[in-house]
N, C-alpha and C. Protein backbone atom coordinates (compact mmCIF):
# COMPACT_ATOMS: atom_id res chain seq x y z
N MET A 1 52.33 -40.71 -8.99
CA MET A 1 52.06 -40.05 -10.26
C MET A 1 50.57 -39.67 -10.39
N LYS A 2 49.67 -40.60 -9.98
CA LYS A 2 48.23 -40.32 -10.07
C LYS A 2 47.87 -39.14 -9.16
N LYS A 3 48.48 -39.11 -7.99
CA LYS A 3 48.19 -38.02 -7.04
C LYS A 3 48.62 -36.68 -7.61
N LEU A 4 49.78 -36.65 -8.26
CA LEU A 4 50.29 -35.43 -8.88
C LEU A 4 49.37 -35.00 -10.02
N LEU A 5 48.92 -35.94 -10.82
CA LEU A 5 48.02 -35.64 -11.94
C LEU A 5 46.69 -35.06 -11.42
N LYS A 6 46.14 -35.67 -10.36
CA LYS A 6 44.90 -35.16 -9.77
C LYS A 6 45.09 -33.74 -9.25
N THR A 7 46.21 -33.48 -8.61
CA THR A 7 46.50 -32.15 -8.08
C THR A 7 46.61 -31.12 -9.20
N VAL A 8 47.31 -31.49 -10.29
CA VAL A 8 47.47 -30.57 -11.42
C VAL A 8 46.11 -30.27 -12.07
N VAL A 9 45.31 -31.30 -12.26
CA VAL A 9 43.98 -31.11 -12.86
C VAL A 9 43.12 -30.20 -11.97
N LEU A 10 43.15 -30.47 -10.67
CA LEU A 10 42.40 -29.64 -9.73
C LEU A 10 42.85 -28.20 -9.78
N LEU A 11 44.15 -27.95 -9.82
CA LEU A 11 44.67 -26.59 -9.91
C LEU A 11 44.24 -25.91 -11.21
N ILE A 12 44.27 -26.64 -12.31
CA ILE A 12 43.85 -26.07 -13.60
C ILE A 12 42.37 -25.67 -13.54
N VAL A 13 41.55 -26.55 -12.96
CA VAL A 13 40.12 -26.24 -12.84
C VAL A 13 39.92 -25.01 -11.95
N LEU A 14 40.60 -24.96 -10.81
CA LEU A 14 40.45 -23.82 -9.90
C LEU A 14 40.92 -22.52 -10.54
N VAL A 15 42.06 -22.54 -11.20
CA VAL A 15 42.57 -21.34 -11.85
C VAL A 15 41.64 -20.92 -12.99
N GLY A 16 41.17 -21.89 -13.77
CA GLY A 16 40.24 -21.59 -14.85
C GLY A 16 38.96 -20.97 -14.33
N THR A 17 38.44 -21.52 -13.23
CA THR A 17 37.22 -20.97 -12.62
C THR A 17 37.47 -19.55 -12.13
N ALA A 18 38.60 -19.32 -11.49
CA ALA A 18 38.92 -17.99 -10.98
C ALA A 18 39.03 -16.99 -12.13
N ILE A 19 39.67 -17.37 -13.21
CA ILE A 19 39.80 -16.48 -14.37
C ILE A 19 38.42 -16.18 -14.96
N PHE A 20 37.58 -17.23 -15.11
CA PHE A 20 36.25 -17.03 -15.66
C PHE A 20 35.43 -16.07 -14.78
N LEU A 21 35.47 -16.29 -13.46
CA LEU A 21 34.71 -15.43 -12.55
C LEU A 21 35.21 -14.00 -12.61
N TYR A 22 36.52 -13.80 -12.69
CA TYR A 22 37.07 -12.45 -12.74
C TYR A 22 36.67 -11.75 -14.04
N GLU A 23 36.79 -12.45 -15.15
CA GLU A 23 36.49 -11.83 -16.45
C GLU A 23 34.99 -11.61 -16.66
N ASN A 24 34.16 -12.32 -15.94
CA ASN A 24 32.71 -12.23 -16.11
C ASN A 24 32.02 -11.78 -14.83
N LYS A 25 32.72 -10.98 -14.01
CA LYS A 25 32.17 -10.63 -12.69
C LYS A 25 30.84 -9.90 -12.77
N ASN A 26 30.63 -9.06 -13.76
CA ASN A 26 29.33 -8.37 -13.87
C ASN A 26 28.21 -9.35 -14.19
N GLU A 27 28.50 -10.25 -15.09
CA GLU A 27 27.51 -11.26 -15.48
C GLU A 27 27.23 -12.21 -14.30
N VAL A 28 28.28 -12.61 -13.60
CA VAL A 28 28.12 -13.49 -12.45
C VAL A 28 27.29 -12.81 -11.36
N SER A 29 27.54 -11.51 -11.14
CA SER A 29 26.75 -10.76 -10.15
C SER A 29 25.27 -10.76 -10.54
N ARG A 30 25.01 -10.60 -11.81
CA ARG A 30 23.62 -10.61 -12.28
C ARG A 30 22.99 -11.99 -12.06
N TRP A 31 23.75 -13.06 -12.34
CA TRP A 31 23.24 -14.42 -12.13
C TRP A 31 22.91 -14.64 -10.65
N ILE A 32 23.80 -14.18 -9.79
CA ILE A 32 23.59 -14.35 -8.35
C ILE A 32 22.34 -13.61 -7.91
N GLU A 33 22.15 -12.38 -8.41
CA GLU A 33 20.94 -11.62 -8.07
C GLU A 33 19.68 -12.34 -8.54
N GLU A 34 19.75 -12.94 -9.73
CA GLU A 34 18.58 -13.65 -10.25
C GLU A 34 18.25 -14.89 -9.43
N LEU A 35 19.27 -15.49 -8.81
CA LEU A 35 19.04 -16.68 -7.99
C LEU A 35 18.48 -16.35 -6.61
N LYS A 36 18.69 -15.14 -6.15
CA LYS A 36 18.20 -14.74 -4.83
C LYS A 36 16.67 -14.67 -4.86
N PRO A 37 16.02 -15.07 -3.77
CA PRO A 37 14.55 -14.98 -3.74
C PRO A 37 14.09 -13.52 -3.63
N ASP A 38 12.86 -13.29 -4.03
CA ASP A 38 12.27 -11.95 -3.92
C ASP A 38 12.10 -11.61 -2.44
N PRO A 39 12.74 -10.53 -1.97
CA PRO A 39 12.63 -10.19 -0.54
C PRO A 39 11.22 -9.77 -0.13
N MET A 40 10.38 -9.47 -1.10
CA MET A 40 9.01 -9.03 -0.81
C MET A 40 7.98 -10.14 -1.07
N ARG A 41 8.45 -11.35 -1.30
CA ARG A 41 7.55 -12.44 -1.62
C ARG A 41 6.60 -12.77 -0.46
N PHE A 42 7.11 -12.68 0.77
CA PHE A 42 6.34 -13.12 1.93
C PHE A 42 6.18 -11.99 2.93
N ASN A 43 4.95 -11.63 3.23
CA ASN A 43 4.65 -10.61 4.23
C ASN A 43 4.52 -11.32 5.59
N ALA A 44 5.53 -11.15 6.44
CA ALA A 44 5.57 -11.84 7.73
C ALA A 44 4.85 -11.07 8.84
N TYR A 45 4.35 -9.91 8.53
CA TYR A 45 3.69 -9.10 9.55
C TYR A 45 2.27 -9.61 9.79
N GLU A 46 1.73 -9.30 10.95
CA GLU A 46 0.41 -9.79 11.34
C GLU A 46 -0.68 -9.08 10.55
N GLU A 47 -1.54 -9.88 9.91
CA GLU A 47 -2.65 -9.29 9.15
C GLU A 47 -3.49 -8.39 10.04
N GLY A 48 -3.98 -7.30 9.45
CA GLY A 48 -4.82 -6.37 10.19
C GLY A 48 -4.05 -5.27 10.89
N GLN A 49 -2.73 -5.37 10.88
CA GLN A 49 -1.90 -4.39 11.57
C GLN A 49 -1.29 -3.37 10.58
N CYS A 50 -0.84 -2.27 11.12
CA CYS A 50 -0.25 -1.21 10.29
C CYS A 50 0.98 -1.70 9.52
N THR A 51 1.76 -2.57 10.14
CA THR A 51 2.98 -3.08 9.51
C THR A 51 2.66 -3.94 8.29
N TYR A 52 1.62 -4.74 8.39
CA TYR A 52 1.18 -5.59 7.28
C TYR A 52 0.78 -4.73 6.09
N TYR A 53 -0.01 -3.74 6.36
CA TYR A 53 -0.50 -2.82 5.32
C TYR A 53 0.66 -2.07 4.67
N ALA A 54 1.56 -1.55 5.47
CA ALA A 54 2.70 -0.78 4.95
C ALA A 54 3.57 -1.66 4.04
N PHE A 55 3.82 -2.88 4.46
CA PHE A 55 4.63 -3.81 3.66
C PHE A 55 3.98 -4.02 2.29
N ASP A 56 2.67 -4.28 2.27
CA ASP A 56 1.97 -4.50 1.01
C ASP A 56 1.96 -3.27 0.11
N LYS A 57 1.81 -2.10 0.68
CA LYS A 57 1.82 -0.87 -0.12
C LYS A 57 3.21 -0.67 -0.78
N VAL A 58 4.26 -0.92 -0.02
CA VAL A 58 5.62 -0.80 -0.56
C VAL A 58 5.82 -1.81 -1.69
N LYS A 59 5.36 -3.01 -1.48
CA LYS A 59 5.48 -4.08 -2.48
C LYS A 59 4.79 -3.68 -3.78
N LYS A 60 3.58 -3.11 -3.68
CA LYS A 60 2.84 -2.71 -4.88
C LYS A 60 3.57 -1.63 -5.68
N ASP A 61 4.41 -0.85 -5.01
CA ASP A 61 5.19 0.17 -5.70
C ASP A 61 6.41 -0.40 -6.42
N GLY A 62 6.71 -1.69 -6.20
CA GLY A 62 7.93 -2.28 -6.77
C GLY A 62 9.14 -1.98 -5.93
N ASN A 63 8.91 -1.59 -4.69
CA ASN A 63 10.01 -1.29 -3.76
C ASN A 63 10.12 -2.40 -2.73
N MET A 64 11.06 -2.22 -1.80
CA MET A 64 11.23 -3.25 -0.77
C MET A 64 11.61 -2.67 0.58
N ILE A 65 11.18 -3.40 1.60
CA ILE A 65 11.58 -3.19 2.98
C ILE A 65 11.75 -4.58 3.58
N SER A 66 12.23 -4.67 4.78
CA SER A 66 12.41 -5.97 5.42
C SER A 66 11.08 -6.50 5.94
N ASN A 67 10.97 -7.81 5.99
CA ASN A 67 9.81 -8.41 6.64
C ASN A 67 10.18 -8.93 8.03
N ARG A 68 11.29 -8.39 8.59
CA ARG A 68 11.79 -8.83 9.90
C ARG A 68 11.95 -7.69 10.89
N TRP A 69 11.31 -6.56 10.69
CA TRP A 69 11.49 -5.42 11.59
C TRP A 69 10.59 -5.48 12.82
N GLY A 70 9.69 -6.42 12.88
CA GLY A 70 8.84 -6.56 14.05
C GLY A 70 7.79 -5.47 14.19
N ASP A 71 7.56 -5.06 15.43
CA ASP A 71 6.56 -4.03 15.70
C ASP A 71 6.99 -2.69 15.13
N ALA A 72 6.02 -1.85 14.83
CA ALA A 72 6.28 -0.54 14.20
C ALA A 72 7.27 0.31 15.00
N GLU A 73 7.27 0.17 16.31
CA GLU A 73 8.18 0.98 17.13
C GLU A 73 9.65 0.73 16.79
N ASN A 74 9.97 -0.42 16.20
CA ASN A 74 11.35 -0.77 15.85
C ASN A 74 11.75 -0.39 14.44
N TRP A 75 10.81 -0.02 13.62
CA TRP A 75 11.09 0.10 12.20
C TRP A 75 12.17 1.11 11.86
N ALA A 76 12.16 2.28 12.41
CA ALA A 76 13.15 3.30 12.03
C ALA A 76 14.56 2.84 12.38
N LYS A 77 14.76 2.34 13.59
CA LYS A 77 16.12 1.93 13.99
C LYS A 77 16.56 0.69 13.21
N ASP A 78 15.65 -0.26 12.97
CA ASP A 78 16.02 -1.44 12.21
C ASP A 78 16.26 -1.13 10.74
N ALA A 79 15.47 -0.23 10.19
CA ALA A 79 15.66 0.19 8.79
C ALA A 79 17.03 0.84 8.64
N LYS A 80 17.39 1.69 9.56
CA LYS A 80 18.69 2.35 9.53
C LYS A 80 19.82 1.32 9.58
N LYS A 81 19.69 0.32 10.46
CA LYS A 81 20.68 -0.75 10.57
C LYS A 81 20.81 -1.52 9.27
N ASP A 82 19.69 -1.67 8.55
CA ASP A 82 19.68 -2.41 7.29
C ASP A 82 20.09 -1.55 6.09
N GLY A 83 20.50 -0.31 6.33
CA GLY A 83 21.00 0.54 5.24
C GLY A 83 19.95 1.34 4.51
N TYR A 84 18.76 1.45 5.07
CA TYR A 84 17.73 2.28 4.44
C TYR A 84 17.91 3.73 4.87
N VAL A 85 17.46 4.64 4.03
CA VAL A 85 17.47 6.06 4.39
C VAL A 85 16.33 6.30 5.37
N VAL A 86 16.67 6.80 6.53
CA VAL A 86 15.69 7.16 7.56
C VAL A 86 16.00 8.59 7.95
N ASN A 87 15.03 9.49 7.77
CA ASN A 87 15.29 10.90 8.06
C ASN A 87 14.02 11.60 8.50
N ASN A 88 14.05 12.93 8.47
CA ASN A 88 12.89 13.73 8.86
C ASN A 88 12.24 14.42 7.65
N LYS A 89 12.41 13.80 6.46
CA LYS A 89 11.89 14.37 5.22
C LYS A 89 10.82 13.47 4.62
N PRO A 90 9.55 13.83 4.76
CA PRO A 90 8.50 13.01 4.16
C PRO A 90 8.58 13.05 2.64
N ALA A 91 8.25 11.93 2.01
CA ALA A 91 8.23 11.83 0.55
C ALA A 91 7.12 10.87 0.16
N ALA A 92 6.54 11.10 -1.01
CA ALA A 92 5.53 10.19 -1.52
C ALA A 92 6.11 8.79 -1.60
N HIS A 93 5.36 7.81 -1.18
CA HIS A 93 5.71 6.38 -1.20
C HIS A 93 6.71 5.99 -0.11
N ALA A 94 7.03 6.92 0.78
CA ALA A 94 7.85 6.59 1.94
C ALA A 94 6.91 6.19 3.09
N LEU A 95 7.50 5.78 4.19
CA LEU A 95 6.72 5.39 5.35
C LEU A 95 6.92 6.36 6.49
N MET A 96 5.84 6.77 7.10
CA MET A 96 5.87 7.62 8.28
C MET A 96 5.89 6.67 9.49
N GLN A 97 6.79 6.92 10.45
CA GLN A 97 6.92 6.01 11.59
C GLN A 97 7.03 6.78 12.90
N THR A 98 6.41 6.21 13.93
CA THR A 98 6.52 6.77 15.28
C THR A 98 6.67 5.63 16.28
N THR A 99 7.31 5.93 17.39
CA THR A 99 7.42 4.96 18.49
C THR A 99 6.30 5.16 19.50
N LYS A 100 5.50 6.19 19.31
CA LYS A 100 4.40 6.47 20.25
C LYS A 100 3.34 5.37 20.19
N GLY A 101 2.63 5.20 21.28
CA GLY A 101 1.62 4.16 21.36
C GLY A 101 2.24 2.89 21.93
N LYS A 102 1.41 1.88 22.10
CA LYS A 102 1.88 0.63 22.72
C LYS A 102 3.00 -0.03 21.92
N LEU A 103 2.83 -0.11 20.58
CA LEU A 103 3.81 -0.79 19.74
C LEU A 103 4.31 0.08 18.59
N GLY A 104 4.07 1.39 18.68
CA GLY A 104 4.44 2.28 17.60
C GLY A 104 3.41 2.24 16.47
N HIS A 105 3.71 2.93 15.38
CA HIS A 105 2.79 2.96 14.26
C HIS A 105 3.55 3.33 12.99
N VAL A 106 3.13 2.75 11.86
CA VAL A 106 3.65 3.15 10.54
C VAL A 106 2.47 3.43 9.63
N ALA A 107 2.67 4.35 8.71
CA ALA A 107 1.65 4.68 7.71
C ALA A 107 2.36 4.95 6.39
N TYR A 108 1.64 4.79 5.32
CA TYR A 108 2.17 4.97 3.96
C TYR A 108 1.84 6.37 3.46
N ILE A 109 2.83 7.08 2.98
CA ILE A 109 2.62 8.45 2.49
C ILE A 109 2.16 8.39 1.03
N GLU A 110 0.95 8.83 0.81
CA GLU A 110 0.37 8.84 -0.55
C GLU A 110 0.87 10.02 -1.37
N ARG A 111 0.88 11.19 -0.76
CA ARG A 111 1.33 12.40 -1.47
C ARG A 111 1.80 13.43 -0.47
N VAL A 112 2.74 14.26 -0.94
CA VAL A 112 3.24 15.38 -0.11
C VAL A 112 2.81 16.66 -0.80
N ASN A 113 2.30 17.59 -0.03
CA ASN A 113 1.82 18.88 -0.57
C ASN A 113 2.92 19.94 -0.46
N LYS A 114 2.76 20.99 -1.24
CA LYS A 114 3.77 22.07 -1.28
C LYS A 114 4.00 22.73 0.07
N ASP A 115 2.98 22.76 0.91
CA ASP A 115 3.12 23.41 2.22
C ASP A 115 3.77 22.52 3.29
N GLY A 116 4.21 21.31 2.88
CA GLY A 116 4.86 20.40 3.83
C GLY A 116 3.92 19.42 4.50
N SER A 117 2.63 19.60 4.31
CA SER A 117 1.66 18.64 4.83
C SER A 117 1.63 17.44 3.87
N PHE A 118 1.04 16.35 4.31
CA PHE A 118 0.93 15.19 3.43
C PHE A 118 -0.24 14.32 3.85
N ASP A 119 -0.60 13.40 2.97
CA ASP A 119 -1.71 12.48 3.21
C ASP A 119 -1.16 11.07 3.37
N VAL A 120 -1.66 10.36 4.37
CA VAL A 120 -1.25 8.98 4.58
C VAL A 120 -2.45 8.06 4.44
N SER A 121 -2.15 6.82 4.08
CA SER A 121 -3.13 5.73 4.22
C SER A 121 -2.51 4.76 5.20
N GLU A 122 -3.36 4.10 5.94
CA GLU A 122 -2.85 3.24 7.02
C GLU A 122 -3.89 2.22 7.44
N MET A 123 -3.43 1.21 8.12
CA MET A 123 -4.33 0.22 8.69
C MET A 123 -4.14 0.23 10.20
N ASN A 124 -5.19 -0.03 10.92
CA ASN A 124 -5.19 -0.16 12.36
C ASN A 124 -4.96 1.15 13.11
N TYR A 125 -5.15 2.27 12.46
CA TYR A 125 -5.12 3.54 13.19
C TYR A 125 -6.44 3.69 13.95
N ILE A 126 -7.51 3.26 13.31
CA ILE A 126 -8.84 3.30 13.92
C ILE A 126 -9.13 1.98 14.64
N LYS A 127 -8.93 0.87 13.92
CA LYS A 127 -9.09 -0.46 14.49
C LYS A 127 -8.44 -1.48 13.56
N PRO A 128 -8.12 -2.69 14.07
CA PRO A 128 -7.50 -3.70 13.21
C PRO A 128 -8.30 -3.95 11.94
N TYR A 129 -7.59 -4.16 10.85
CA TYR A 129 -8.14 -4.44 9.52
C TYR A 129 -8.79 -3.23 8.85
N LYS A 130 -8.95 -2.15 9.54
CA LYS A 130 -9.60 -0.97 8.99
C LYS A 130 -8.55 -0.08 8.31
N VAL A 131 -8.70 0.10 6.99
CA VAL A 131 -7.83 1.00 6.23
C VAL A 131 -8.47 2.39 6.28
N SER A 132 -7.66 3.38 6.60
CA SER A 132 -8.16 4.75 6.67
C SER A 132 -7.12 5.70 6.09
N SER A 133 -7.54 6.93 5.87
CA SER A 133 -6.65 7.98 5.37
C SER A 133 -6.81 9.20 6.26
N ARG A 134 -5.74 9.99 6.31
CA ARG A 134 -5.82 11.24 7.08
C ARG A 134 -4.71 12.18 6.62
N PRO A 135 -4.93 13.47 6.78
CA PRO A 135 -3.88 14.43 6.48
C PRO A 135 -2.97 14.61 7.70
N ILE A 136 -1.70 14.90 7.43
CA ILE A 136 -0.73 15.23 8.47
C ILE A 136 -0.26 16.64 8.17
N THR A 137 -0.40 17.54 9.13
CA THR A 137 0.02 18.94 8.92
C THR A 137 1.54 19.03 8.90
N ALA A 138 2.04 20.12 8.34
CA ALA A 138 3.49 20.34 8.31
C ALA A 138 4.06 20.39 9.73
N GLU A 139 3.29 20.92 10.65
CA GLU A 139 3.75 20.99 12.05
C GLU A 139 3.81 19.58 12.65
N GLU A 140 2.77 18.78 12.42
CA GLU A 140 2.75 17.40 12.93
C GLU A 140 3.86 16.57 12.31
N ALA A 141 4.17 16.86 11.06
CA ALA A 141 5.18 16.09 10.31
C ALA A 141 6.53 16.08 11.00
N LYS A 142 6.83 17.11 11.78
CA LYS A 142 8.12 17.22 12.44
C LYS A 142 8.34 16.14 13.51
N SER A 143 7.27 15.52 13.98
CA SER A 143 7.40 14.57 15.08
C SER A 143 7.52 13.10 14.62
N TYR A 144 7.68 12.88 13.33
CA TYR A 144 7.75 11.52 12.80
C TYR A 144 9.11 11.23 12.17
N ASN A 145 9.41 9.94 12.02
CA ASN A 145 10.55 9.47 11.24
C ASN A 145 10.01 9.06 9.88
N TYR A 146 10.87 9.10 8.87
CA TYR A 146 10.47 8.71 7.52
C TYR A 146 11.45 7.68 6.98
N ILE A 147 10.91 6.53 6.62
CA ILE A 147 11.70 5.42 6.08
C ILE A 147 11.46 5.41 4.58
N HIS A 148 12.56 5.45 3.83
CA HIS A 148 12.49 5.49 2.36
C HIS A 148 12.85 4.11 1.81
N PRO A 149 11.85 3.39 1.27
CA PRO A 149 12.11 2.04 0.76
C PRO A 149 13.13 2.05 -0.39
N LYS A 150 13.76 0.91 -0.56
CA LYS A 150 14.71 0.71 -1.67
C LYS A 150 13.94 0.09 -2.84
N LYS A 151 14.51 0.23 -4.04
CA LYS A 151 13.93 -0.43 -5.21
C LYS A 151 14.11 -1.93 -5.04
N ASN A 152 13.10 -2.70 -5.38
CA ASN A 152 13.18 -4.15 -5.33
C ASN A 152 13.67 -4.66 -6.68
N PRO A 153 14.90 -5.19 -6.76
CA PRO A 153 15.41 -5.65 -8.05
C PRO A 153 14.58 -6.79 -8.63
N LYS A 154 13.95 -7.56 -7.79
CA LYS A 154 13.10 -8.66 -8.28
C LYS A 154 11.83 -8.13 -8.94
N ALA A 155 11.30 -7.04 -8.46
CA ALA A 155 10.10 -6.46 -9.08
C ALA A 155 10.43 -5.99 -10.48
N GLU A 156 11.62 -5.44 -10.68
CA GLU A 156 12.03 -4.98 -12.01
C GLU A 156 12.26 -6.17 -12.94
N VAL A 157 12.85 -7.25 -12.43
CA VAL A 157 13.06 -8.45 -13.24
C VAL A 157 11.73 -9.03 -13.66
N GLU A 158 10.76 -9.08 -12.75
CA GLU A 158 9.44 -9.61 -13.08
C GLU A 158 8.75 -8.76 -14.14
N LYS A 159 8.90 -7.43 -14.07
CA LYS A 159 8.30 -6.54 -15.07
C LYS A 159 8.92 -6.81 -16.44
N GLU A 160 10.26 -7.01 -16.49
CA GLU A 160 10.95 -7.26 -17.74
C GLU A 160 10.50 -8.57 -18.37
N GLN A 161 10.20 -9.58 -17.53
CA GLN A 161 9.82 -10.90 -18.04
C GLN A 161 8.38 -10.93 -18.51
N ASN A 162 7.54 -10.00 -18.06
CA ASN A 162 6.13 -10.00 -18.45
C ASN A 162 5.89 -9.18 -19.69
C-alpha cells in the first residue's frame, strides 16, 4: 500500500510539473535564459591579438560572438557552424575576416561608405597590442569574409536592470 501511495504521489507531482511547464513555457524559457551565463563575460583570446580586440569591440556593442573560435583563420567557418551570418556583405559593427597570413586576421568594421569602401579598427595589424585604423576600398572588400555578430541577450538584460 505504501509503495502504491508513493507511486501515485510521484505521478501527481510529475503530471503537475508537466502541466505547469507547458502552460508557462514562455516564462520558463525566460527563466532559463536568465540563468545562463553571459557568453561575452570572458574574453578567452590572447591579449594583444586581433581576435582579442574584435571580441571586446563586439561586446561593447551589446552583441556576441564565441570565445572559442581560436585563431582568426578559423573564425568564418566556425561562426558559420555556430549559426552566425557569414557572407560577402560588409556592415557597420560586423567583423572583416581573412585566412591570409600565418594565422589569419579579423578587424572590426566601424562604418561602411556609400561607395562600398569601409573603415576598420584592428589590433596587431601593425604589431601586437597596437590598435590602428585603415580604409578598405570597395575592390579590396571583395576578398574578405564578413561575420555578423548576434545580439547578446545578457547585454539587454543588464541594460534593463541598470
